[in-house]
Protein backbone atom coordinates (compact mmCIF):
# COMPACT_ATOMS: atom_id res chain seq x y z
CA ASN A 1 90.71 121.75 107.87
CA PRO A 2 92.82 118.68 108.76
CA GLU A 3 96.06 120.65 108.43
CA ILE A 4 95.10 122.82 111.41
CA TYR A 5 94.63 119.75 113.60
CA LEU A 6 97.90 118.33 112.30
CA LYS A 7 99.80 121.46 113.31
CA LEU A 8 98.07 121.60 116.70
CA GLY A 9 99.18 118.04 117.31
CA ASP A 10 102.75 118.94 116.34
CA VAL A 11 102.75 121.86 118.79
CA VAL A 12 101.40 119.70 121.61
CA ARG A 13 104.04 117.10 120.78
CA GLN A 14 106.76 119.69 121.35
CA LEU A 15 105.15 120.91 124.58
CA THR A 16 105.02 117.38 125.94
CA ARG A 17 108.77 117.54 126.54
CA SER A 18 108.23 120.13 129.27
CA ASP A 19 104.69 119.21 130.35
CA PRO A 20 104.09 115.45 130.87
CA THR A 21 100.37 116.09 131.42
CA LEU A 22 100.09 116.59 127.66
CA VAL A 23 101.27 113.06 126.84
CA ASP A 24 99.07 111.50 124.14
CA LYS A 25 97.14 114.73 123.53
CA ASP A 26 98.98 115.03 120.22
CA LYS A 27 97.32 111.81 119.07
CA SER A 28 93.91 113.33 119.81
CA TYR A 29 94.54 116.18 117.38
CA TRP A 30 95.90 113.89 114.68
CA THR A 31 92.84 111.70 115.12
CA LEU A 32 90.65 114.78 114.68
CA ALA A 33 92.53 115.51 111.46
CA LEU A 34 91.51 112.09 110.19
CA GLU A 35 87.93 112.66 111.24
CA ALA A 36 88.00 115.80 109.09
CA ASP A 37 89.63 113.93 106.21
CA PRO A 38 89.91 110.12 106.56
CA SER A 39 92.44 110.00 103.71
CA TYR A 40 94.83 112.60 105.18
CA LEU A 41 98.19 110.80 105.04
CA PRO A 42 100.28 113.25 107.12
CA ALA A 43 98.07 112.58 110.17
CA MET A 44 98.35 108.83 109.64
CA GLN A 45 102.13 109.11 109.43
CA ARG A 46 102.24 111.13 112.66
CA LEU A 47 100.13 108.51 114.42
CA LEU A 48 102.37 105.74 113.11
CA ASP A 49 105.46 107.57 114.39
CA SER A 50 103.82 107.92 117.78
CA TYR A 51 102.62 104.31 117.99
CA LEU A 52 106.05 103.01 117.00
CA GLU A 53 107.58 105.04 119.82
CA ASP A 54 104.94 103.68 122.20
CA ALA A 55 105.83 100.13 121.14
CA GLN A 56 109.47 100.75 122.07
CA LEU A 57 108.50 101.90 125.57
CA TYR A 58 105.40 99.79 126.21
CA PRO A 59 105.31 96.77 123.91
CA ASN A 60 101.86 95.26 124.28
CA PRO A 61 99.14 93.79 122.06
CA HIS A 62 97.03 96.96 122.19
CA THR A 63 99.86 99.09 120.79
CA PHE A 64 100.69 96.51 118.12
CA GLY A 65 97.03 96.52 117.11
CA ARG A 66 97.09 100.29 116.74
CA ILE A 67 100.19 100.05 114.55
CA ARG A 68 98.57 97.48 112.31
CA ASP A 69 95.40 99.54 112.03
CA VAL A 70 97.13 102.76 110.99
CA CYS A 71 99.48 100.89 108.62
CA SER A 72 96.48 99.31 106.91
CA ARG A 73 94.93 102.75 106.49
CA ILE A 74 98.15 104.15 105.05
CA LEU A 75 98.52 101.26 102.63
CA HIS A 76 94.92 101.72 101.49
CA ILE A 77 95.92 105.22 100.34
CA ASP A 78 99.53 104.49 99.36
CA PRO A 79 100.14 100.78 98.65
CA ASN A 80 103.85 101.44 98.04
CA ASP A 81 104.65 102.88 101.47
CA SER A 82 107.54 100.60 102.51
CA ARG A 83 107.61 101.73 106.13
CA ALA A 84 103.91 100.99 106.58
CA LYS A 85 104.37 97.59 104.94
CA SER A 86 107.24 96.59 107.18
CA SER A 87 105.62 97.99 110.33
CA LEU A 88 102.37 96.15 109.58
CA HIS A 89 104.07 92.75 109.44
CA ILE A 90 106.52 93.44 112.25
CA ALA A 91 103.62 94.40 114.52
CA LEU A 92 101.80 91.16 113.74
CA ILE A 93 104.89 89.11 114.58
CA GLN A 94 105.54 91.13 117.74
CA SER A 95 101.96 90.58 118.82
CA TRP A 96 102.30 86.84 118.25
CA LEU A 97 105.61 86.73 120.13
CA SER A 98 103.95 88.50 123.05
CA GLY A 99 101.39 85.72 123.34
CA VAL A 100 98.47 86.86 121.20
CA GLU A 101 96.86 83.91 119.43
CA THR A 102 97.55 84.28 115.72
CA SER A 103 96.69 81.89 112.92
CA ASP A 104 99.47 80.00 111.14
CA GLN A 105 98.24 81.49 107.87
CA GLU A 106 98.69 85.05 109.14
CA ILE A 107 102.13 84.27 110.52
CA GLU A 108 103.34 82.62 107.33
CA ALA A 109 101.91 85.39 105.16
CA SER A 110 103.73 88.03 107.21
CA LEU A 111 106.98 86.05 107.20
CA LYS A 112 106.80 85.74 103.41
CA GLU A 113 106.23 89.48 103.07
CA MET A 114 109.10 90.20 105.44
CA ALA A 115 111.48 88.00 103.45
CA ASP A 116 110.52 89.99 100.33
CA LEU A 117 110.87 93.30 102.20
CA GLN A 118 114.38 92.40 103.31
CA GLN A 119 115.36 91.98 99.66
CA ARG A 120 113.80 95.31 98.66
CA ASP A 121 115.00 97.31 101.68
CA PRO A 122 118.10 95.64 103.15
CA GLN A 123 118.87 98.66 105.35
CA ASN A 124 115.76 98.05 107.45
CA LEU A 125 117.27 95.85 110.15
CA GLU A 126 114.08 95.35 112.13
CA VAL A 127 112.59 93.27 109.32
CA PRO A 128 115.20 90.46 109.39
CA PHE A 129 115.47 90.70 113.18
CA MET A 130 111.76 90.11 113.76
CA TYR A 131 111.71 87.50 110.98
CA ALA A 132 114.53 85.65 112.73
CA ARG A 133 112.84 85.91 116.14
CA ALA A 134 109.72 84.35 114.63
CA LYS A 135 111.77 81.53 113.13
CA VAL A 136 113.40 80.86 116.50
CA LYS A 137 109.97 80.64 118.13
CA GLN A 138 108.80 78.25 115.44
CA ALA A 139 111.91 76.16 116.03
CA LYS A 140 111.16 76.07 119.75
CA GLU A 141 107.64 74.85 119.04
CA PHE A 142 108.88 72.16 116.65
CA PHE A 143 111.45 70.95 119.17
CA ALA A 144 108.72 70.73 121.81
CA ARG A 145 106.87 68.34 119.48
CA ASP A 146 110.13 66.49 118.69
CA PHE A 147 110.12 67.61 115.04
CA ARG A 148 113.88 68.09 115.05
CA GLU A 149 114.43 68.34 111.31
CA ARG A 150 111.82 71.09 110.91
CA ALA A 151 113.16 72.89 113.97
CA ASN A 152 116.71 72.87 112.67
CA LYS A 153 115.46 74.20 109.33
CA GLU A 154 113.89 77.20 111.08
CA ILE A 155 117.09 77.88 113.00
CA ILE A 156 119.00 77.85 109.71
CA ASN A 157 116.45 80.30 108.27
CA ALA A 158 116.89 82.63 111.26
CA GLU A 159 120.67 82.58 110.99
CA ALA A 160 120.54 83.13 107.23
CA ALA A 161 118.32 86.20 107.55
CA MET A 162 120.72 87.81 110.02
CA GLN A 163 123.81 86.88 108.02
CA GLU A 164 122.21 88.54 105.00
CA ALA A 165 121.48 91.62 107.10
CA ILE A 166 125.14 91.84 108.16
CA ALA A 167 126.32 91.35 104.57
CA ALA A 168 124.12 94.30 103.50
CA ASN A 169 125.18 96.46 106.47
CA PRO A 170 128.72 95.38 107.38
CA GLU A 171 129.62 98.68 109.08
CA ASN A 172 126.36 99.08 110.98
CA PRO A 173 126.81 98.15 114.68
CA ARG A 174 123.08 97.57 115.03
CA ALA A 175 123.22 94.76 112.47
CA HIS A 176 125.83 92.97 114.56
CA LEU A 177 123.87 93.65 117.75
CA ARG A 178 120.69 92.18 116.29
CA HIS A 179 122.62 89.17 115.00
CA GLY A 180 124.07 88.63 118.47
CA GLN A 181 120.63 88.80 120.04
CA ILE A 182 119.32 86.11 117.70
CA MET A 183 122.32 83.88 118.36
CA MET A 184 121.68 84.23 122.09
CA GLU A 185 118.07 83.14 121.60
CA ILE A 186 119.24 80.13 119.60
CA ALA A 187 121.86 79.28 122.22
CA ALA A 188 119.17 79.44 124.91
CA LEU A 189 117.27 76.71 123.07
CA TYR A 190 120.31 74.44 123.18
CA ARG A 191 120.93 75.12 126.85
CA ARG A 192 117.30 74.55 127.80
CA ASP A 193 117.16 70.98 126.46
CA PRO A 194 120.46 69.77 125.01
CA GLU A 195 119.12 66.26 124.44
CA LYS A 196 116.92 67.53 121.61
CA PHE A 197 119.94 68.80 119.70
CA ARG A 198 121.99 65.64 119.64
């Protein structure tokens, strides 16, 4: 019965707060739930919650891969799960930003999906933030090849995504924080090689 494993994982999750030796044991039970029933969505959602937390503490390609895997499984069962959709594409971009070789086709496909997701769920601030970070990286790569016009276009795209996020969440401090972080990344490009921006 997958529900038994789910509940065992939930109990272990609570116990982890007082017993660090139990860290990650919750995932083992939720994985067992999926072995009992590969289509059991509650266990997939628990694993996604856990992997997203892991990515906050230990952002690395392995964790991003786990996020993408469980999101793909969720979307196979529930294609309309907006959190799984956004997390899937955010994880791909994060992986690429961390240095994992990723094809241009995959990057562009995820960026297109993220632009659509921002329109459908404007309260999800991580979507435009990661979209903008990707655009800044693309701009950096274009500047390195002296493609100034294309680089400036990507910077404009990054700024536009964050301005749209602020317009949809004017009272949310996190929207302004994320916008500031992107502007700092853009400013760093100008400081690194001002000749390219003249």
